[in-house]
C-alpha cells in the first residue's frame, strides 16, 4: 500500500479523534482537547498516514522526554519537544479499522523512527497492553517489563527501541 506521511494538521482533528476512539477504550482514548494540544505543541512528532485517495488512515504521536519510560503526566499536558531530550515517546499509534493488518502501523513506526534518528534521540519509548507486546517486538522494541503507568486503570508494559 502506498502511503503518504505528513505532520498532523488541526483540520484533521475530527478524523484523528475518530481513529483514536476506534483503537482505544473510552478510558484510554485521548480527548479532542488533548489531541489538539499535541498537534500544536509537537507537530514535528505527530505524523499522519494518508492513502492514495488522501484519506487519513492512521497516525502516531508523542513528545521527546528526558525519562526513559512514559509517565502519566505526558498524557495530561503537552509541552514542546526538548531538542536535547535523549528519548522519544509514543503516546498513541492508531490505524483506521479498515486499514489494520496492512502495514500502516509498521510504516508509521518506521517513518517516525527516521525522524527521531535525525533528531539524535537515543531510543524510542512507549507503553502498550500485553496483547500488543509481540507486535512491538516484531518492530525492534524490547519489553522492559511492567510500567508504573496507571493510565486508564490498565497494566502497561514498557517497550523501548534503541536508535
Protein backbone atom coordinates (compact mmCIF):
# COMPACT_ATOMS: atom_id res chain seq x y z
CA UNK A 1 0.00 0.00 0.00
CA UNK A 2 1.37 3.40 -0.96
CA UNK A 3 1.07 5.84 1.91
CA UNK A 4 1.94 9.49 2.22
CA UNK A 5 3.26 10.59 5.62
CA UNK A 6 2.97 14.16 6.84
CA UNK A 7 2.68 16.18 10.05
CA UNK A 8 -0.82 16.30 11.51
CA UNK A 9 -2.97 19.34 10.80
CA UNK A 10 -5.63 20.86 13.05
CA UNK A 11 -8.09 20.38 10.17
CA UNK A 12 -7.56 16.60 10.53
CA UNK A 13 -8.60 16.59 14.19
CA UNK A 14 -12.10 15.07 13.61
CA UNK A 15 -10.60 12.14 11.64
CA UNK A 16 -7.81 11.70 14.20
CA UNK A 17 -10.33 11.55 17.06
CA UNK A 18 -12.49 9.04 15.17
CA UNK A 19 -9.47 6.76 14.69
CA UNK A 20 -8.34 7.28 18.31
CA UNK A 21 -11.76 6.22 19.62
CA UNK A 22 -11.83 3.17 17.36
CA UNK A 23 -8.46 1.98 18.67
CA UNK A 24 -8.67 2.73 22.37
CA UNK A 25 -11.24 2.24 25.11
CA UNK A 26 -13.05 5.38 26.33
CA UNK A 27 -10.79 5.44 29.41
CA UNK A 28 -7.62 5.08 27.29
CA UNK A 29 -8.50 7.42 24.42
CA UNK A 30 -7.21 10.97 24.36
CA UNK A 31 -9.73 13.77 24.38
CA UNK A 32 -10.22 16.13 21.47
CA UNK A 33 -8.64 18.92 23.55
CA UNK A 34 -5.59 16.76 24.35
CA UNK A 35 -5.10 15.86 20.68
CA UNK A 36 -5.43 19.50 19.64
CA UNK A 37 -2.78 20.43 22.22
CA UNK A 38 -0.46 17.68 20.91
CA UNK A 39 -0.80 18.88 17.31
CA UNK A 40 0.00 22.42 18.43
CA UNK A 41 2.81 21.51 20.87
CA UNK A 42 4.82 18.95 18.91
CA UNK A 43 3.72 18.87 15.26
CA UNK A 44 7.13 17.55 14.17
CA UNK A 45 6.45 14.28 16.03
CA UNK A 46 2.73 13.93 15.25
CA UNK A 47 2.72 12.01 11.99
CA UNK A 48 -0.27 11.00 9.88
CA UNK A 49 -0.57 8.42 7.11
CA UNK A 50 -2.82 9.01 4.09
CA UNK A 51 -3.86 6.57 1.38
CA UNK A 52 -3.86 7.26 -2.37
CA UNK A 53 -7.29 8.93 -2.01
CA UNK A 54 -5.85 11.35 0.59
CA UNK A 55 -7.89 9.71 3.38
CA UNK A 56 -6.26 9.73 6.80
CA UNK A 57 -5.79 6.06 7.70
CA UNK A 58 -3.56 6.26 10.79
CA UNK A 59 -1.31 8.35 12.96
CA UNK A 60 1.42 8.19 15.58
CA UNK A 61 2.27 10.87 18.14
CA UNK A 62 4.49 11.51 21.11
CA UNK A 63 6.80 14.05 22.74
CA UNK A 64 10.50 13.97 23.44
CA UNK A 65 11.39 13.17 27.05
CA UNK A 66 14.29 13.17 29.47
CA UNK A 67 12.86 9.99 31.02
CA UNK A 68 13.42 6.53 29.58
CA UNK A 69 9.84 5.49 30.31
CA UNK A 70 6.50 7.19 29.78
CA UNK A 71 4.93 8.75 32.84
CA UNK A 72 1.24 9.55 33.10
CA UNK A 73 1.93 13.32 33.13
CA UNK A 74 2.74 13.11 29.41
CA UNK A 75 -0.88 12.16 28.68
CA UNK A 76 -2.21 15.18 30.55
CA UNK A 77 0.00 18.05 29.41
CA UNK A 78 1.61 18.55 26.01
CA UNK A 79 4.84 20.55 26.07
CA UNK A 80 7.00 21.32 23.02
CA UNK A 81 9.75 18.81 22.25
CA UNK A 82 13.02 19.41 24.08
CA UNK A 83 15.69 19.23 21.34
CA UNK A 84 18.19 17.86 23.88
CA UNK A 85 15.97 15.13 25.34
CA UNK A 86 17.55 11.71 24.80
CA UNK A 87 14.29 9.79 24.49
CA UNK A 88 11.32 9.99 22.20
CA UNK A 89 8.00 8.66 23.41
CA UNK A 90 4.97 7.39 21.54
CA UNK A 91 1.72 8.13 23.34
CA UNK A 92 -0.61 6.90 20.64
CA UNK A 93 -0.42 4.79 17.50
CA UNK A 94 -3.77 4.11 15.87
CA UNK A 95 -4.98 2.88 12.49
CA UNK A 96 -8.44 3.10 10.94
CA UNK A 97 -10.15 -0.32 11.33
CA UNK A 98 -10.44 -0.76 7.54
CA UNK A 99 -6.66 -0.44 7.20
CA UNK A 100 -5.45 -2.58 10.10
CA UNK A 101 -3.12 -5.54 9.36
CA UNK A 102 -1.98 -3.88 6.13
CA UNK A 103 1.35 -2.43 7.25
CA UNK A 104 0.12 1.04 8.20
CA UNK A 105 1.20 0.87 11.86
CA UNK A 106 4.61 -0.56 10.97
CA UNK A 107 5.08 2.11 8.31
CA UNK A 108 4.25 4.86 10.78
CA UNK A 109 6.72 3.43 13.31
CA UNK A 110 9.49 3.28 10.71
CA UNK A 111 8.81 6.73 9.31
CA UNK A 112 8.75 8.32 12.75
CA UNK A 113 11.85 6.33 13.74
CA UNK A 114 13.75 8.02 10.90
CA UNK A 115 12.68 11.43 12.20
CA UNK A 116 13.83 10.50 15.71
CA UNK A 117 17.23 9.43 14.40
CA UNK A 118 17.61 12.78 12.65
CA UNK A 119 16.80 14.44 15.98
CA UNK A 120 19.61 12.38 17.59
CA UNK A 121 17.37 10.57 20.07
CA UNK A 122 18.88 7.65 21.97
CA UNK A 123 15.77 5.45 22.00
CA UNK A 124 12.02 5.35 21.43
CA UNK A 125 9.84 4.51 24.41
CA UNK A 126 6.18 3.57 24.59
CA UNK A 127 3.78 1.63 26.74
CA UNK A 128 1.37 -0.99 25.47
CA UNK A 129 -1.04 -3.61 26.72
CA UNK A 130 0.12 -7.24 26.98
CA UNK A 131 -1.75 -8.13 23.77
CA UNK A 132 0.48 -5.77 21.74
CA UNK A 133 3.89 -6.71 23.17
CA UNK A 134 4.67 -9.16 20.35
CA UNK A 135 3.67 -6.61 17.68
CA UNK A 136 6.17 -4.09 19.02
CA UNK A 137 8.85 -6.77 19.46
CA UNK A 138 8.47 -7.55 15.74
CA UNK A 139 9.31 -3.89 15.10
CA UNK A 140 12.51 -3.88 17.15
CA UNK A 141 11.17 -2.89 20.57
CA UNK A 142 12.31 -4.65 23.73
CA UNK A 143 9.92 -5.45 26.56
CA UNK A 144 11.46 -3.90 29.67
CA UNK A 145 8.70 -5.06 31.99
CA UNK A 146 5.58 -3.63 33.58
CA UNK A 147 5.19 0.14 33.53
CA UNK A 148 4.49 2.33 36.55
CA UNK A 149 1.72 3.92 34.47
CA UNK A 150 -1.80 3.60 35.80
CA UNK A 151 -3.35 5.24 32.73
CA UNK A 152 -6.97 4.10 32.31
CA UNK A 153 -6.51 1.60 35.16
CA UNK A 154 -4.71 -0.83 32.82
CA UNK A 155 -1.49 -2.82 33.16
CA UNK A 156 1.01 -1.41 30.67
CA UNK A 157 4.41 -2.66 29.53
CA UNK A 158 7.48 -0.52 28.85
CA UNK A 159 8.69 -1.08 25.29
CA UNK A 160 11.96 0.52 24.19
CA UNK A 161 13.66 0.57 20.79
CA UNK A 162 17.28 1.73 20.78
CA UNK A 163 18.20 4.01 17.88
